[in-house]
Amino acid sequence: MGIVRTASVIFDLDGTLVDSEPNYYEAGRRLLAQHGVRDFSWEHHTRFIGIGTRETLEILRGEYGIEAPVDELLAGKNRNYLELARASTDVFPEMRKFVELLHTEEVPMAVASGSSRAAIEAVLAGTGLDAFITTAVSAEEVARGKPEPDVFVEAARRLGAAPADCVVLEDAAPGAAAAHAADMRCIAVPYVPETADDPAFGAAGLLFAGGQGEFTARAAYDWLRSAQA
């Protein structure tokens, strides 16, 4: 028995479908080093997981007193990231299985990400996920990034789906909050397991508190099928 065809699934990209956070950290570390910041740690980076690149850079620019315009910083980080992403980006194995399973069931899918359009396209093409997911929305294409719902609402519009018929997969609390604000159900897979008790994850229909180590395609599929019954 397959999933009722009214379901549509919207994936966050970074930290949910692919393990791109190490590349984003390195891209940001290199950028900040060019502006004299030598102590940007992984722990500091994790504060911004789930927040759009522009919003992140606006905050870091203020914290470190960087004079360069945000647009210049954004272009620099995107260049660094694209170089790293094209060299290597890993798809979480169970997420790939889930995407392939949904594709077999002809479930409409989209990516809605805080990354740039160029970054999204590079990652989807480089990992082969573009064979299964052809609809993508960047936060650059909407008025507000996560935790606001704009990127998910736009993804639903492009899929021709009502928000209430969409299920979002997210790894970060701002994204889970955005899904809730968009009136969409959420499967939460925290990238940082220590954040699993964040109130934003409390509204998730299905929470894999242990993150990717706990997530399985079959469990997510079975929940989605039961939720559509």
C-alpha atoms as a PDB file:
ATOM      1  CA  MET A   1       0.000   0.000   0.000  1.00  0.00           C
ATOM      2  CA  GLY A   2       1.499   3.311  -1.077  1.00  0.00           C
ATOM      3  CA  ILE A   3       1.280   6.838   0.243  1.00  0.00           C
ATOM      4  CA  VAL A   4      -1.889   8.784  -0.526  1.00  0.00           C
ATOM      5  CA  ARG A   5      -1.044  10.956  -3.485  1.00  0.00           C
ATOM      6  CA  THR A   6      -2.077  14.198  -1.790  1.00  0.00           C
ATOM      7  CA  ALA A   7       1.118  14.134   0.272  1.00  0.00           C
ATOM      8  CA  SER A   8       4.065  16.300  -0.786  1.00  0.00           C
ATOM      9  CA  VAL A   9       7.446  16.215   0.922  1.00  0.00           C
ATOM     10  CA  ILE A  10       9.733  19.239   1.303  1.00  0.00           C
ATOM     11  CA  PHE A  11      13.328  18.689   2.378  1.00  0.00           C
ATOM     12  CA  ASP A  12      15.697  21.094   3.972  1.00  0.00           C
ATOM     13  CA  LEU A  13      19.036  20.508   2.251  1.00  0.00           C
ATOM     14  CA  ASP A  14      22.007  21.219   4.494  1.00  0.00           C
ATOM     15  CA  GLY A  15      22.249  18.897   7.473  1.00  0.00           C
ATOM     16  CA  THR A  16      19.059  17.094   6.448  1.00  0.00           C
ATOM     17  CA  LEU A  17      19.635  15.570   3.025  1.00  0.00           C
ATOM     18  CA  VAL A  18      23.377  16.142   2.858  1.00  0.00           C
ATOM     19  CA  ASP A  19      26.138  16.551   5.409  1.00  0.00           C
ATOM     20  CA  SER A  20      27.204  19.941   4.123  1.00  0.00           C
ATOM     21  CA  GLU A  21      27.790  21.640   7.466  1.00  0.00           C
ATOM     22  CA  PRO A  22      31.538  20.808   7.504  1.00  0.00           C
ATOM     23  CA  ASN A  23      31.838  22.529   4.125  1.00  0.00           C
ATOM     24  CA  TYR A  24      29.829  25.533   5.311  1.00  0.00           C
ATOM     25  CA  TYR A  25      31.980  25.800   8.406  1.00  0.00           C
ATOM     26  CA  GLU A  26      35.186  25.676   6.390  1.00  0.00           C
ATOM     27  CA  ALA A  27      33.833  28.200   3.866  1.00  0.00           C
ATOM     28  CA  GLY A  28      32.965  30.576   6.693  1.00  0.00           C
ATOM     29  CA  ARG A  29      36.249  29.995   8.517  1.00  0.00           C
ATOM     30  CA  ARG A  30      38.228  30.850   5.389  1.00  0.00           C
ATOM     31  CA  LEU A  31      36.138  33.951   4.764  1.00  0.00           C
ATOM     32  CA  LEU A  32      36.480  35.229   8.312  1.00  0.00           C
ATOM     33  CA  ALA A  33      40.222  34.546   8.293  1.00  0.00           C
ATOM     34  CA  GLN A  34      40.503  36.830   5.280  1.00  0.00           C
ATOM     35  CA  HIS A  35      39.026  39.564   7.483  1.00  0.00           C
ATOM     36  CA  GLY A  36      41.340  38.942  10.428  1.00  0.00           C
ATOM     37  CA  VAL A  37      39.161  36.548  12.440  1.00  0.00           C
ATOM     38  CA  ARG A  38      41.286  33.575  13.496  1.00  0.00           C
ATOM     39  CA  ASP A  39      39.213  31.975  16.251  1.00  0.00           C
ATOM     40  CA  PHE A  40      35.961  30.980  14.503  1.00  0.00           C
ATOM     41  CA  SER A  41      35.271  27.523  15.935  1.00  0.00           C
ATOM     42  CA  TRP A  42      32.968  24.660  14.975  1.00  0.00           C
ATOM     43  CA  GLU A  43      31.058  25.277  18.193  1.00  0.00           C
ATOM     44  CA  HIS A  44      30.449  28.874  17.142  1.00  0.00           C
ATOM     45  CA  HIS A  45      29.327  27.700  13.714  1.00  0.00           C
ATOM     46  CA  THR A  46      26.712  25.353  15.184  1.00  0.00           C
ATOM     47  CA  ARG A  47      24.851  28.379  16.572  1.00  0.00           C
ATOM     48  CA  PHE A  48      23.875  29.241  13.012  1.00  0.00           C
ATOM     49  CA  ILE A  49      22.760  25.847  11.748  1.00  0.00           C
ATOM     50  CA  GLY A  50      19.337  26.280  10.174  1.00  0.00           C
ATOM     51  CA  ILE A  51      19.731  30.016   9.635  1.00  0.00           C
ATOM     52  CA  GLY A  52      20.209  31.438   6.121  1.00  0.00           C
ATOM     53  CA  THR A  53      23.686  32.393   4.940  1.00  0.00           C
ATOM     54  CA  ARG A  54      22.864  36.095   4.604  1.00  0.00           C
ATOM     55  CA  GLU A  55      21.346  36.283   8.080  1.00  0.00           C
ATOM     56  CA  THR A  56      24.358  34.434   9.498  1.00  0.00           C
ATOM     57  CA  LEU A  57      26.812  36.820   7.878  1.00  0.00           C
ATOM     58  CA  GLU A  58      24.876  39.848   9.049  1.00  0.00           C
ATOM     59  CA  ILE A  59      25.253  38.607  12.637  1.00  0.00           C
ATOM     60  CA  LEU A  60      28.930  37.668  12.267  1.00  0.00           C
ATOM     61  CA  ARG A  61      29.719  40.984  10.606  1.00  0.00           C
ATOM     62  CA  GLY A  62      28.366  42.772  13.667  1.00  0.00           C
ATOM     63  CA  GLU A  63      30.016  40.434  16.178  1.00  0.00           C
ATOM     64  CA  TYR A  64      33.466  40.796  14.644  1.00  0.00           C
ATOM     65  CA  GLY A  65      33.201  44.405  13.470  1.00  0.00           C
ATOM     66  CA  ILE A  66      33.836  43.534   9.836  1.00  0.00           C
ATOM     67  CA  GLU A  67      33.551  46.576   7.570  1.00  0.00           C
ATOM     68  CA  ALA A  68      32.968  44.771   4.265  1.00  0.00           C
ATOM     69  CA  PRO A  69      29.357  44.917   2.988  1.00  0.00           C
ATOM     70  CA  VAL A  70      27.184  41.873   3.547  1.00  0.00           C
ATOM     71  CA  ASP A  71      26.824  41.308  -0.209  1.00  0.00           C
ATOM     72  CA  GLU A  72      30.604  41.113  -0.544  1.00  0.00           C
ATOM     73  CA  LEU A  73      30.836  38.650   2.330  1.00  0.00           C
ATOM     74  CA  LEU A  74      27.999  36.575   0.884  1.00  0.00           C
ATOM     75  CA  ALA A  75      29.677  36.357  -2.512  1.00  0.00           C
ATOM     76  CA  GLY A  76      32.955  35.334  -0.863  1.00  0.00           C
ATOM     77  CA  LYS A  77      31.416  32.626   1.282  1.00  0.00           C
ATOM     78  CA  ASN A  78      29.435  31.252  -1.664  1.00  0.00           C
ATOM     79  CA  ARG A  79      32.619  31.037  -3.750  1.00  0.00           C
ATOM     80  CA  ASN A  80      34.378  29.168  -0.970  1.00  0.00           C
ATOM     81  CA  TYR A  81      31.429  26.860  -0.398  1.00  0.00           C
ATOM     82  CA  LEU A  82      30.903  26.015  -4.070  1.00  0.00           C
ATOM     83  CA  GLU A  83      34.556  25.055  -4.389  1.00  0.00           C
ATOM     84  CA  LEU A  84      34.256  22.722  -1.412  1.00  0.00           C
ATOM     85  CA  ALA A  85      30.816  21.355  -2.330  1.00  0.00           C
ATOM     86  CA  ARG A  86      31.826  20.460  -5.869  1.00  0.00           C
ATOM     87  CA  ALA A  87      34.817  18.582  -4.543  1.00  0.00           C
ATOM     88  CA  SER A  88      32.832  16.515  -2.037  1.00  0.00           C
ATOM     89  CA  THR A  89      29.362  16.460  -0.496  1.00  0.00           C
ATOM     90  CA  ASP A  90      28.002  13.384   1.252  1.00  0.00           C
ATOM     91  CA  VAL A  91      24.327  12.379   1.179  1.00  0.00           C
ATOM     92  CA  PHE A  92      23.085  10.761   4.376  1.00  0.00           C
ATOM     93  CA  PRO A  93      22.527   7.135   3.259  1.00  0.00           C
ATOM     94  CA  GLU A  94      19.076   6.669   4.822  1.00  0.00           C
ATOM     95  CA  MET A  95      17.957  10.012   3.387  1.00  0.00           C
ATOM     96  CA  ARG A  96      18.947   8.867  -0.089  1.00  0.00           C
ATOM     97  CA  LYS A  97      16.936   5.694   0.464  1.00  0.00           C
ATOM     98  CA  PHE A  98      13.963   7.782   1.587  1.00  0.00           C
ATOM     99  CA  VAL A  99      14.155  10.033  -1.480  1.00  0.00           C
ATOM    100  CA  GLU A 100      14.359   7.033  -3.790  1.00  0.00           C
ATOM    101  CA  LEU A 101      11.413   5.383  -2.029  1.00  0.00           C
ATOM    102  CA  LEU A 102       9.268   8.509  -2.347  1.00  0.00           C
ATOM    103  CA  HIS A 103      10.276   8.845  -5.993  1.00  0.00           C
ATOM    104  CA  THR A 104       9.139   5.278  -6.632  1.00  0.00           C
ATOM    105  CA  GLU A 105       5.799   6.175  -5.024  1.00  0.00           C
ATOM    106  CA  GLU A 106       5.571   9.296  -7.240  1.00  0.00           C
ATOM    107  CA  VAL A 107       5.383  11.553  -4.196  1.00  0.00           C
ATOM    108  CA  PRO A 108       6.056  15.201  -5.184  1.00  0.00           C
ATOM    109  CA  MET A 109       9.268  16.473  -3.594  1.00  0.00           C
ATOM    110  CA  ALA A 110      11.068  19.789  -3.256  1.00  0.00           C
ATOM    111  CA  VAL A 111      14.081  21.272  -1.524  1.00  0.00           C
ATOM    112  CA  ALA A 112      13.662  24.482   0.484  1.00  0.00           C
ATOM    113  CA  SER A 113      16.967  25.823   1.746  1.00  0.00           C
ATOM    114  CA  GLY A 114      18.687  28.839   3.207  1.00  0.00           C
ATOM    115  CA  SER A 115      21.544  28.247   0.770  1.00  0.00           C
ATOM    116  CA  SER A 116      22.002  30.156  -2.466  1.00  0.00           C
ATOM    117  CA  ARG A 117      20.420  28.901  -5.673  1.00  0.00           C
ATOM    118  CA  ALA A 118      23.885  28.144  -7.058  1.00  0.00           C
ATOM    119  CA  ALA A 119      24.798  26.109  -3.968  1.00  0.00           C
ATOM    120  CA  ILE A 120      21.551  24.130  -4.067  1.00  0.00           C
ATOM    121  CA  GLU A 121      21.978  23.294  -7.738  1.00  0.00           C
ATOM    122  CA  ALA A 122      25.637  22.331  -7.279  1.00  0.00           C
ATOM    123  CA  VAL A 123      24.861  19.976  -4.412  1.00  0.00           C
ATOM    124  CA  LEU A 124      21.832  18.349  -6.044  1.00  0.00           C
ATOM    125  CA  ALA A 125      23.748  17.814  -9.279  1.00  0.00           C
ATOM    126  CA  GLY A 126      26.928  16.642  -7.591  1.00  0.00           C
ATOM    127  CA  THR A 127      25.120  14.071  -5.467  1.00  0.00           C
ATOM    128  CA  GLY A 128      22.715  12.894  -8.164  1.00  0.00           C
ATOM    129  CA  LEU A 129      19.699  13.941  -6.098  1.00  0.00           C
ATOM    130  CA  ASP A 130      18.584  16.149  -8.989  1.00  0.00           C
ATOM    131  CA  ALA A 131      17.393  12.951 -10.692  1.00  0.00           C
ATOM    132  CA  PHE A 132      14.694  12.691  -8.034  1.00  0.00           C
ATOM    133  CA  ILE A 133      14.087  16.259  -6.822  1.00  0.00           C
ATOM    134  CA  THR A 134      13.562  18.860  -9.525  1.00  0.00           C
ATOM    135  CA  THR A 135      11.862  21.623  -7.516  1.00  0.00           C
ATOM    136  CA  ALA A 136      14.020  23.804  -5.294  1.00  0.00           C
ATOM    137  CA  VAL A 137      13.607  27.124  -3.512  1.00  0.00           C
ATOM    138  CA  SER A 138      16.394  29.255  -2.071  1.00  0.00           C
ATOM    139  CA  ALA A 139      15.827  31.707   0.758  1.00  0.00           C
ATOM    140  CA  GLU A 140      17.294  34.277  -1.644  1.00  0.00           C
ATOM    141  CA  GLU A 141      14.077  33.961  -3.660  1.00  0.00           C
ATOM    142  CA  VAL A 142      11.706  34.885  -0.823  1.00  0.00           C
ATOM    143  CA  ALA A 143      11.311  37.879   1.460  1.00  0.00           C
ATOM    144  CA  ARG A 144      12.315  36.192   4.726  1.00  0.00           C
ATOM    145  CA  GLY A 145      14.465  33.223   5.635  1.00  0.00           C
ATOM    146  CA  LYS A 146      13.829  30.596   8.307  1.00  0.00           C
ATOM    147  CA  PRO A 147      12.437  30.633  11.002  1.00  0.00           C
ATOM    148  CA  GLU A 148       9.862  32.510   8.925  1.00  0.00           C
ATOM    149  CA  PRO A 149       7.748  30.190   6.734  1.00  0.00           C
ATOM    150  CA  ASP A 150       8.287  31.907   3.365  1.00  0.00           C
ATOM    151  CA  VAL A 151      10.616  29.350   1.763  1.00  0.00           C
ATOM    152  CA  PHE A 152       8.331  26.421   2.614  1.00  0.00           C
ATOM    153  CA  VAL A 153       5.204  28.252   1.486  1.00  0.00           C
ATOM    154  CA  GLU A 154       6.885  29.012  -1.839  1.00  0.00           C
ATOM    155  CA  ALA A 155       7.966  25.381  -2.229  1.00  0.00           C
ATOM    156  CA  ALA A 156       4.381  24.246  -1.695  1.00  0.00           C
ATOM    157  CA  ARG A 157       3.173  26.773  -4.259  1.00  0.00           C
ATOM    158  CA  ARG A 158       5.630  25.473  -6.845  1.00  0.00           C
ATOM    159  CA  LEU A 159       4.529  21.908  -6.143  1.00  0.00           C
ATOM    160  CA  GLY A 160       0.888  22.943  -6.503  1.00  0.00           C
ATOM    161  CA  ALA A 161       0.211  21.643  -2.992  1.00  0.00           C
ATOM    162  CA  ALA A 162      -1.709  23.057  -0.051  1.00  0.00           C
ATOM    163  CA  PRO A 163       0.562  23.682   2.962  1.00  0.00           C
ATOM    164  CA  ALA A 164      -1.551  21.351   5.103  1.00  0.00           C
ATOM    165  CA  ASP A 165      -0.771  18.545   2.648  1.00  0.00           C
ATOM    166  CA  CYS A 166       2.998  19.020   2.957  1.00  0.00           C
ATOM    167  CA  VAL A 167       5.465  17.319   5.260  1.00  0.00           C
ATOM    168  CA  VAL A 168       8.822  18.990   5.939  1.00  0.00           C
ATOM    169  CA  LEU A 169      12.043  17.223   6.882  1.00  0.00           C
ATOM    170  CA  GLU A 170      14.295  19.422   8.996  1.00  0.00           C
ATOM    171  CA  ASP A 171      17.452  19.139  11.066  1.00  0.00           C
ATOM    172  CA  ALA A 172      17.427  22.530  12.796  1.00  0.00           C
ATOM    173  CA  ALA A 173      15.091  24.273  15.219  1.00  0.00           C
ATOM    174  CA  PRO A 174      14.601  27.397  13.034  1.00  0.00           C
ATOM    175  CA  GLY A 175      13.504  25.155  10.171  1.00  0.00           C
ATOM    176  CA  ALA A 176      11.111  23.203  12.371  1.00  0.00           C
ATOM    177  CA  ALA A 177       9.654  26.521  13.547  1.00  0.00           C
ATOM    178  CA  ALA A 178       9.291  27.620   9.929  1.00  0.00           C
ATOM    179  CA  ALA A 179       7.441  24.420   9.056  1.00  0.00           C
ATOM    180  CA  HIS A 180       5.054  24.935  11.959  1.00  0.00           C
ATOM    181  CA  ALA A 181       4.487  28.560  10.916  1.00  0.00           C
ATOM    182  CA  ALA A 182       3.722  27.345   7.386  1.00  0.00           C
ATOM    183  CA  ASP A 183       1.017  24.988   8.765  1.00  0.00           C
ATOM    184  CA  MET A 184       3.006  21.952   7.640  1.00  0.00           C
ATOM    185  CA  ARG A 185       3.758  18.749   9.504  1.00  0.00           C
ATOM    186  CA  CYS A 186       7.402  18.063  10.280  1.00  0.00           C
ATOM    187  CA  ILE A 187       9.755  15.125  10.545  1.00  0.00           C
ATOM    188  CA  ALA A 188      12.637  16.390  12.669  1.00  0.00           C
ATOM    189  CA  VAL A 189      16.128  14.890  12.505  1.00  0.00           C
ATOM    190  CA  PRO A 190      18.319  17.161  14.654  1.00  0.00           C
ATOM    191  CA  TYR A 191      21.791  17.616  13.188  1.00  0.00           C
ATOM    192  CA  VAL A 192      23.013  18.462  16.678  1.00  0.00           C
ATOM    193  CA  PRO A 193      21.317  15.833  18.885  1.00  0.00           C
ATOM    194  CA  GLU A 194      21.767  18.059  21.952  1.00  0.00           C
ATOM    195  CA  THR A 195      19.171  20.418  20.447  1.00  0.00           C
ATOM    196  CA  ALA A 196      16.470  17.722  20.297  1.00  0.00           C
ATOM    197  CA  ASP A 197      14.709  19.166  23.330  1.00  0.00           C
ATOM    198  CA  ASP A 198      14.361  22.593  21.705  1.00  0.00           C
ATOM    199  CA  PRO A 199      10.698  23.674  21.911  1.00  0.00           C
ATOM    200  CA  ALA A 200      10.610  24.118  18.122  1.00  0.00           C
ATOM    201  CA  PHE A 201      11.029  20.365  17.727  1.00  0.00           C
ATOM    202  CA  GLY A 202       8.199  19.757  20.178  1.00  0.00           C
ATOM    203  CA  ALA A 203       5.594  20.369  17.488  1.00  0.00           C
ATOM    204  CA  ALA A 204       7.156  17.849  15.083  1.00  0.00           C
ATOM    205  CA  GLY A 205       4.936  14.975  14.107  1.00  0.00           C
ATOM    206  CA  LEU A 206       7.916  12.628  14.205  1.00  0.00           C
ATOM    207  CA  LEU A 207      11.181  13.321  16.017  1.00  0.00           C
ATOM    208  CA  PHE A 208      14.345  11.278  15.611  1.00  0.00           C
ATOM    209  CA  ALA A 209      16.004  12.635  18.727  1.00  0.00           C
ATOM    210  CA  GLY A 210      19.245  10.821  17.977  1.00  0.00           C
ATOM    211  CA  GLY A 211      19.616  12.570  14.643  1.00  0.00           C
ATOM    212  CA  GLN A 212      20.829  10.869  11.490  1.00  0.00           C
ATOM    213  CA  GLY A 213      22.122   7.920  13.495  1.00  0.00           C
ATOM    214  CA  GLU A 214      18.540   7.123  14.464  1.00  0.00           C
ATOM    215  CA  PHE A 215      16.725   8.081  11.251  1.00  0.00           C
ATOM    216  CA  THR A 216      15.637   5.306   8.886  1.00  0.00           C
ATOM    217  CA  ALA A 217      13.869   5.604   5.571  1.00  0.00           C
ATOM    218  CA  ARG A 218      11.419   2.863   6.536  1.00  0.00           C
ATOM    219  CA  ALA A 219      10.378   4.507   9.814  1.00  0.00           C
ATOM    220  CA  ALA A 220       9.842   7.865   8.092  1.00  0.00           C
ATOM    221  CA  TYR A 221       7.923   6.215   5.258  1.00  0.00           C
ATOM    222  CA  ASP A 222       5.693   4.229   7.618  1.00  0.00           C
ATOM    223  CA  TRP A 223       4.888   7.362   9.636  1.00  0.00           C
ATOM    224  CA  LEU A 224       4.114   9.323   6.484  1.00  0.00           C
ATOM    225  CA  ARG A 225       1.846   6.565   5.209  1.00  0.00           C
ATOM    226  CA  SER A 226      -0.011   6.349   8.532  1.00  0.00           C
ATOM    227  CA  ALA A 227      -0.342  10.139   8.670  1.00  0.00           C
ATOM    228  CA  GLN A 228      -2.060  10.099   5.277  1.00  0.00           C
ATOM    229  CA  ALA A 229      -4.485   7.337   6.216  1.00  0.00           C
END
